[in-house]
Every structure is written in C-alpha cells, then in structure tokens.
Amino acid sequence: MSNASRIRAELLWVINGGPAALIADITATLSCDHSGVEAVMRAYQRALPSGTQLRLVVTAPIVRRVLDVNGLDRLISIYPSLESATATETPTASITLKPERPPAPPGNRQSYRQGQRDDL
C-alpha cells in the first residue's frame, strides 16, 4: 500500500504556505516506488517557483537509491539526519512524514503487523 498521495498533499500544503525551506523527515519510510518519487518531484516542482528550498532526511538505503536512480539527488538536498538538514541558516518549516498503517484484518493482527512494510 502506498501513501504517496497523502504525502504529496502534505508537502504541497506546507509549500503553499511559503516557507524559505521545507525539511521532510522521511526516516520512517522503508521503501519508495514510482508514486513516491512522483510525490517528491511534484513537491519540488511546486517549491521551485515559490523559492522554497526542499530538503529530505533519508536513512533507508533503498529509499536513497531510488531517489538517486531517478535523479532527485541532483535536484533536492538529501541529508542523513534531521540535525544535518537543520544546520543551515535558512529558516525552515519541518514536517515528519510517517507512513500510515491500515487497520489489521480481524483475527490476524500479530502476523499482519510483522509482515507490513512502511512504503512511500
């Protein structure tokens, strides 16, 4: 299950507020697919004309690789920690994007939790 549309909406909502920079903490994200890349790209495209600097905090190697392969690392600053992303002079807005977990199917809660991944 992808939560990319919700994340895209949150990013665009914050960017529409006009911050000088937006830090998106996606450290809880364990994987990223095409829809996740598209959500980040749409946020970048919205941030660019408004002058908002978009920064991502990414710790999962697979997420970083997907962003790199799609060229987003050349457009968006990617940091290994929130501290490093905030260590600049630009005033920022910061949001933590946490993957949503759908309700577990009845009667199988434990095995569902163990097998579920957090995706962007």
N, C-alpha and C. Protein backbone atom coordinates (compact mmCIF):
# COMPACT_ATOMS: atom_id res chain seq x y z
N MET A 1 0.84 -1.18 0.00
CA MET A 1 0.00 0.00 0.00
C MET A 1 0.88 1.23 0.00
N SER A 2 0.57 2.18 -0.83
CA SER A 2 1.34 3.41 -0.94
C SER A 2 0.58 4.57 -0.29
N ASN A 3 1.31 5.41 0.38
CA ASN A 3 0.71 6.60 0.97
C ASN A 3 1.22 7.86 0.27
N ALA A 4 1.69 7.70 -0.94
CA ALA A 4 2.29 8.81 -1.69
C ALA A 4 1.33 9.98 -1.89
N SER A 5 0.06 9.71 -2.14
CA SER A 5 -0.87 10.82 -2.38
C SER A 5 -1.06 11.66 -1.12
N ARG A 6 -1.09 11.03 0.03
CA ARG A 6 -1.21 11.79 1.28
C ARG A 6 0.04 12.61 1.53
N ILE A 7 1.20 12.01 1.28
CA ILE A 7 2.46 12.71 1.49
C ILE A 7 2.59 13.87 0.52
N ARG A 8 2.23 13.65 -0.73
CA ARG A 8 2.25 14.73 -1.72
C ARG A 8 1.38 15.88 -1.26
N ALA A 9 0.19 15.57 -0.78
CA ALA A 9 -0.73 16.61 -0.32
C ALA A 9 -0.14 17.38 0.86
N GLU A 10 0.48 16.69 1.80
CA GLU A 10 1.08 17.37 2.95
C GLU A 10 2.23 18.27 2.53
N LEU A 11 3.09 17.77 1.64
CA LEU A 11 4.21 18.58 1.17
C LEU A 11 3.71 19.83 0.45
N LEU A 12 2.75 19.66 -0.45
CA LEU A 12 2.23 20.80 -1.20
C LEU A 12 1.54 21.81 -0.29
N TRP A 13 0.84 21.33 0.72
CA TRP A 13 0.16 22.22 1.66
C TRP A 13 1.17 23.10 2.38
N VAL A 14 2.27 22.51 2.85
CA VAL A 14 3.29 23.29 3.55
C VAL A 14 3.97 24.26 2.58
N ILE A 15 4.31 23.80 1.38
CA ILE A 15 4.96 24.67 0.40
C ILE A 15 4.07 25.85 0.04
N ASN A 16 2.76 25.64 -0.04
CA ASN A 16 1.83 26.72 -0.36
C ASN A 16 1.85 27.82 0.71
N GLY A 17 2.32 27.48 1.93
CA GLY A 17 2.44 28.47 3.00
C GLY A 17 3.63 29.39 2.81
N GLY A 18 4.53 29.07 1.88
CA GLY A 18 5.62 29.96 1.52
C GLY A 18 6.84 29.95 2.42
N PRO A 19 7.22 28.82 3.03
CA PRO A 19 8.44 28.84 3.84
C PRO A 19 9.68 28.99 2.96
N ALA A 20 10.76 29.51 3.53
CA ALA A 20 12.01 29.63 2.79
C ALA A 20 12.57 28.24 2.49
N ALA A 21 12.35 27.30 3.41
CA ALA A 21 12.82 25.93 3.22
C ALA A 21 11.85 24.98 3.90
N LEU A 22 11.76 23.78 3.36
CA LEU A 22 10.93 22.72 3.93
C LEU A 22 11.79 21.49 4.10
N ILE A 23 11.85 20.98 5.32
CA ILE A 23 12.56 19.74 5.59
C ILE A 23 11.52 18.64 5.76
N ALA A 24 11.58 17.63 4.91
CA ALA A 24 10.68 16.48 5.01
C ALA A 24 11.47 15.32 5.60
N ASP A 25 11.13 14.95 6.82
CA ASP A 25 11.79 13.84 7.52
C ASP A 25 11.08 12.55 7.12
N ILE A 26 11.71 11.78 6.23
CA ILE A 26 11.11 10.52 5.79
C ILE A 26 11.91 9.32 6.30
N THR A 27 12.47 9.47 7.49
CA THR A 27 13.27 8.39 8.06
C THR A 27 12.43 7.17 8.43
N ALA A 28 11.12 7.33 8.59
CA ALA A 28 10.26 6.19 8.89
C ALA A 28 9.89 5.41 7.63
N THR A 29 10.26 5.91 6.47
CA THR A 29 9.94 5.26 5.21
C THR A 29 10.97 4.19 4.90
N LEU A 30 10.51 2.97 4.66
CA LEU A 30 11.40 1.85 4.40
C LEU A 30 11.56 1.50 2.94
N SER A 31 10.62 1.96 2.09
CA SER A 31 10.73 1.70 0.66
C SER A 31 10.04 2.83 -0.09
N CYS A 32 10.36 2.93 -1.37
CA CYS A 32 9.81 4.01 -2.18
C CYS A 32 9.61 3.48 -3.60
N ASP A 33 8.44 3.73 -4.15
CA ASP A 33 8.17 3.29 -5.51
C ASP A 33 7.97 4.50 -6.41
N HIS A 34 7.50 4.25 -7.63
CA HIS A 34 7.31 5.33 -8.60
C HIS A 34 6.38 6.41 -8.07
N SER A 35 5.31 6.05 -7.39
CA SER A 35 4.38 7.06 -6.89
C SER A 35 5.01 7.92 -5.80
N GLY A 36 5.92 7.34 -5.02
CA GLY A 36 6.64 8.12 -4.02
C GLY A 36 7.59 9.11 -4.66
N VAL A 37 8.31 8.66 -5.68
CA VAL A 37 9.21 9.54 -6.43
C VAL A 37 8.41 10.68 -7.07
N GLU A 38 7.26 10.34 -7.64
CA GLU A 38 6.42 11.35 -8.26
C GLU A 38 5.93 12.37 -7.23
N ALA A 39 5.59 11.92 -6.02
CA ALA A 39 5.14 12.84 -4.97
C ALA A 39 6.24 13.83 -4.61
N VAL A 40 7.46 13.34 -4.48
CA VAL A 40 8.58 14.22 -4.15
C VAL A 40 8.87 15.17 -5.31
N MET A 41 8.81 14.66 -6.53
CA MET A 41 9.06 15.51 -7.69
C MET A 41 8.01 16.61 -7.81
N ARG A 42 6.75 16.28 -7.56
CA ARG A 42 5.69 17.30 -7.62
C ARG A 42 5.93 18.38 -6.57
N ALA A 43 6.37 17.96 -5.38
CA ALA A 43 6.67 18.94 -4.32
C ALA A 43 7.83 19.83 -4.76
N TYR A 44 8.85 19.23 -5.36
CA TYR A 44 9.99 20.02 -5.85
C TYR A 44 9.52 21.03 -6.91
N GLN A 45 8.69 20.57 -7.84
CA GLN A 45 8.21 21.45 -8.91
C GLN A 45 7.38 22.61 -8.35
N ARG A 46 6.67 22.38 -7.27
CA ARG A 46 5.89 23.45 -6.63
C ARG A 46 6.81 24.38 -5.85
N ALA A 47 7.83 23.81 -5.21
CA ALA A 47 8.73 24.61 -4.37
C ALA A 47 9.61 25.53 -5.21
N LEU A 48 10.04 25.08 -6.36
CA LEU A 48 10.99 25.82 -7.19
C LEU A 48 10.53 27.25 -7.51
N PRO A 49 9.34 27.45 -8.12
CA PRO A 49 8.94 28.82 -8.46
C PRO A 49 8.65 29.69 -7.24
N SER A 50 8.30 29.07 -6.12
CA SER A 50 8.00 29.86 -4.93
C SER A 50 9.26 30.20 -4.13
N GLY A 51 10.40 29.61 -4.53
CA GLY A 51 11.65 29.90 -3.83
C GLY A 51 11.85 29.08 -2.57
N THR A 52 11.01 28.09 -2.34
CA THR A 52 11.16 27.22 -1.17
C THR A 52 12.20 26.16 -1.46
N GLN A 53 13.18 26.07 -0.57
CA GLN A 53 14.20 25.02 -0.70
C GLN A 53 13.66 23.75 -0.06
N LEU A 54 13.61 22.67 -0.81
CA LEU A 54 13.12 21.39 -0.31
C LEU A 54 14.32 20.55 0.12
N ARG A 55 14.26 20.01 1.35
CA ARG A 55 15.31 19.14 1.87
C ARG A 55 14.64 17.85 2.35
N LEU A 56 15.30 16.73 2.10
CA LEU A 56 14.80 15.44 2.55
C LEU A 56 15.77 14.84 3.55
N VAL A 57 15.23 14.21 4.58
CA VAL A 57 16.03 13.43 5.52
C VAL A 57 15.70 11.97 5.25
N VAL A 58 16.70 11.23 4.78
CA VAL A 58 16.51 9.84 4.35
C VAL A 58 17.57 8.97 5.03
N THR A 59 17.13 7.87 5.64
CA THR A 59 18.09 6.94 6.26
C THR A 59 18.07 5.56 5.62
N ALA A 60 16.97 5.18 5.01
CA ALA A 60 16.87 3.83 4.40
C ALA A 60 17.67 3.80 3.10
N PRO A 61 18.64 2.89 2.98
CA PRO A 61 19.45 2.82 1.77
C PRO A 61 18.63 2.62 0.50
N ILE A 62 17.58 1.83 0.54
CA ILE A 62 16.79 1.58 -0.67
C ILE A 62 16.04 2.84 -1.09
N VAL A 63 15.57 3.62 -0.13
CA VAL A 63 14.89 4.87 -0.47
C VAL A 63 15.88 5.84 -1.10
N ARG A 64 17.06 5.93 -0.51
CA ARG A 64 18.10 6.81 -1.07
C ARG A 64 18.46 6.38 -2.49
N ARG A 65 18.57 5.09 -2.69
CA ARG A 65 18.93 4.58 -4.02
C ARG A 65 17.85 4.91 -5.06
N VAL A 66 16.60 4.75 -4.69
CA VAL A 66 15.50 5.06 -5.62
C VAL A 66 15.52 6.54 -5.97
N LEU A 67 15.76 7.40 -4.99
CA LEU A 67 15.83 8.83 -5.25
C LEU A 67 17.02 9.16 -6.16
N ASP A 68 18.15 8.50 -5.90
CA ASP A 68 19.35 8.72 -6.71
C ASP A 68 19.14 8.26 -8.15
N VAL A 69 18.60 7.06 -8.33
CA VAL A 69 18.39 6.50 -9.66
C VAL A 69 17.46 7.38 -10.49
N ASN A 70 16.51 8.01 -9.83
CA ASN A 70 15.56 8.86 -10.53
C ASN A 70 16.05 10.31 -10.66
N GLY A 71 17.26 10.58 -10.21
CA GLY A 71 17.86 11.90 -10.38
C GLY A 71 17.44 12.95 -9.38
N LEU A 72 16.65 12.57 -8.38
CA LEU A 72 16.20 13.57 -7.42
C LEU A 72 17.33 14.07 -6.52
N ASP A 73 18.38 13.27 -6.36
CA ASP A 73 19.51 13.71 -5.55
C ASP A 73 20.24 14.89 -6.19
N ARG A 74 20.05 15.10 -7.49
CA ARG A 74 20.66 16.23 -8.17
C ARG A 74 19.80 17.48 -8.08
N LEU A 75 18.55 17.32 -7.68
CA LEU A 75 17.62 18.45 -7.60
C LEU A 75 17.33 18.87 -6.17
N ILE A 76 17.31 17.90 -5.27
CA ILE A 76 16.87 18.12 -3.89
C ILE A 76 18.02 17.74 -2.96
N SER A 77 18.25 18.56 -1.95
CA SER A 77 19.26 18.25 -0.95
C SER A 77 18.76 17.11 -0.07
N ILE A 78 19.58 16.06 0.06
CA ILE A 78 19.22 14.89 0.85
C ILE A 78 20.23 14.77 1.99
N TYR A 79 19.72 14.61 3.21
CA TYR A 79 20.55 14.58 4.41
C TYR A 79 20.36 13.26 5.15
N PRO A 80 21.40 12.83 5.89
CA PRO A 80 21.30 11.58 6.65
C PRO A 80 20.65 11.75 8.03
N SER A 81 20.46 13.00 8.47
CA SER A 81 19.84 13.22 9.78
C SER A 81 19.12 14.57 9.79
N LEU A 82 18.18 14.70 10.69
CA LEU A 82 17.45 15.96 10.84
C LEU A 82 18.40 17.07 11.30
N GLU A 83 19.36 16.71 12.14
CA GLU A 83 20.32 17.70 12.63
C GLU A 83 21.12 18.31 11.48
N SER A 84 21.58 17.47 10.57
CA SER A 84 22.36 18.00 9.44
C SER A 84 21.49 18.81 8.49
N ALA A 85 20.22 18.45 8.36
CA ALA A 85 19.31 19.20 7.48
C ALA A 85 18.97 20.57 8.06
N THR A 86 18.98 20.69 9.36
CA THR A 86 18.64 21.97 10.00
C THR A 86 19.86 22.82 10.32
N ALA A 87 21.04 22.33 10.02
CA ALA A 87 22.27 23.04 10.38
C ALA A 87 22.62 24.16 9.40
N THR A 88 21.66 24.72 8.74
CA THR A 88 21.90 25.81 7.80
C THR A 88 21.17 27.05 8.27
N GLU A 89 21.50 28.17 7.73
CA GLU A 89 20.96 29.45 8.19
C GLU A 89 19.53 29.73 7.72
N THR A 90 19.06 29.04 6.70
CA THR A 90 17.75 29.32 6.13
C THR A 90 16.64 28.94 7.10
N PRO A 91 15.71 29.86 7.42
CA PRO A 91 14.56 29.50 8.25
C PRO A 91 13.75 28.41 7.56
N THR A 92 13.28 27.44 8.31
CA THR A 92 12.64 26.29 7.68
C THR A 92 11.28 25.96 8.30
N ALA A 93 10.50 25.25 7.52
CA ALA A 93 9.34 24.54 8.02
C ALA A 93 9.77 23.08 8.00
N SER A 94 9.36 22.34 9.00
CA SER A 94 9.78 20.94 9.08
C SER A 94 8.57 20.07 9.33
N ILE A 95 8.45 18.99 8.58
CA ILE A 95 7.38 18.03 8.82
C ILE A 95 7.98 16.63 8.84
N THR A 96 7.41 15.81 9.68
CA THR A 96 7.79 14.41 9.73
C THR A 96 6.70 13.62 9.04
N LEU A 97 7.08 12.90 8.00
CA LEU A 97 6.11 12.13 7.24
C LEU A 97 6.20 10.69 7.70
N LYS A 98 5.14 10.24 8.34
CA LYS A 98 5.10 8.88 8.85
C LYS A 98 4.12 8.07 8.02
N PRO A 99 4.54 6.89 7.60
CA PRO A 99 3.64 6.04 6.82
C PRO A 99 2.41 5.67 7.63
N GLU A 100 1.26 5.67 6.97
CA GLU A 100 0.03 5.24 7.62
C GLU A 100 -0.05 3.73 7.61
N ARG A 101 -0.61 3.18 8.63
CA ARG A 101 -0.83 1.74 8.67
C ARG A 101 -2.34 1.48 8.59
N PRO A 102 -2.76 0.73 7.61
CA PRO A 102 -4.18 0.40 7.52
C PRO A 102 -4.56 -0.53 8.67
N PRO A 103 -5.84 -0.57 9.01
CA PRO A 103 -6.25 -1.47 10.08
C PRO A 103 -5.92 -2.93 9.74
N ALA A 104 -5.54 -3.67 10.75
CA ALA A 104 -5.22 -5.09 10.56
C ALA A 104 -6.49 -5.88 10.30
N PRO A 105 -6.40 -6.92 9.47
CA PRO A 105 -7.58 -7.75 9.26
C PRO A 105 -7.96 -8.46 10.57
N PRO A 106 -9.25 -8.64 10.81
CA PRO A 106 -9.68 -9.30 12.04
C PRO A 106 -9.07 -10.70 12.17
N GLY A 107 -8.67 -11.04 13.39
CA GLY A 107 -8.19 -12.39 13.69
C GLY A 107 -6.76 -12.66 13.28
N ASN A 108 -6.07 -11.69 12.69
CA ASN A 108 -4.71 -11.94 12.24
C ASN A 108 -3.82 -10.73 12.52
N ARG A 109 -4.04 -10.06 13.63
CA ARG A 109 -3.34 -8.82 13.92
C ARG A 109 -1.83 -8.99 14.06
N GLN A 110 -1.35 -9.98 14.76
CA GLN A 110 0.08 -10.10 15.01
C GLN A 110 0.87 -10.39 13.73
N SER A 111 0.44 -11.36 12.95
CA SER A 111 1.19 -11.68 11.75
C SER A 111 1.11 -10.55 10.73
N TYR A 112 0.02 -9.79 10.71
CA TYR A 112 -0.13 -8.67 9.80
C TYR A 112 0.88 -7.58 10.13
N ARG A 113 1.00 -7.26 11.41
CA ARG A 113 1.96 -6.23 11.83
C ARG A 113 3.38 -6.61 11.48
N GLN A 114 3.73 -7.87 11.68
CA GLN A 114 5.10 -8.28 11.43
C GLN A 114 5.43 -8.25 9.95
N GLY A 115 4.47 -8.49 9.10
CA GLY A 115 4.75 -8.55 7.67
C GLY A 115 4.56 -7.23 6.96
N GLN A 116 4.03 -6.22 7.63
CA GLN A 116 3.73 -4.96 6.94
C GLN A 116 4.97 -4.10 6.79
N ARG A 117 5.07 -3.45 5.64
CA ARG A 117 6.18 -2.54 5.38
C ARG A 117 5.65 -1.13 5.36
N ASP A 118 6.50 -0.19 5.65
CA ASP A 118 6.17 1.21 5.55
C ASP A 118 6.68 1.72 4.22
N ASP A 119 5.76 2.11 3.33
CA ASP A 119 6.13 2.49 1.99
C ASP A 119 5.78 3.95 1.74
N LEU A 120 6.51 4.54 0.82
CA LEU A 120 6.20 5.87 0.33
C LEU A 120 5.77 5.73 -1.10
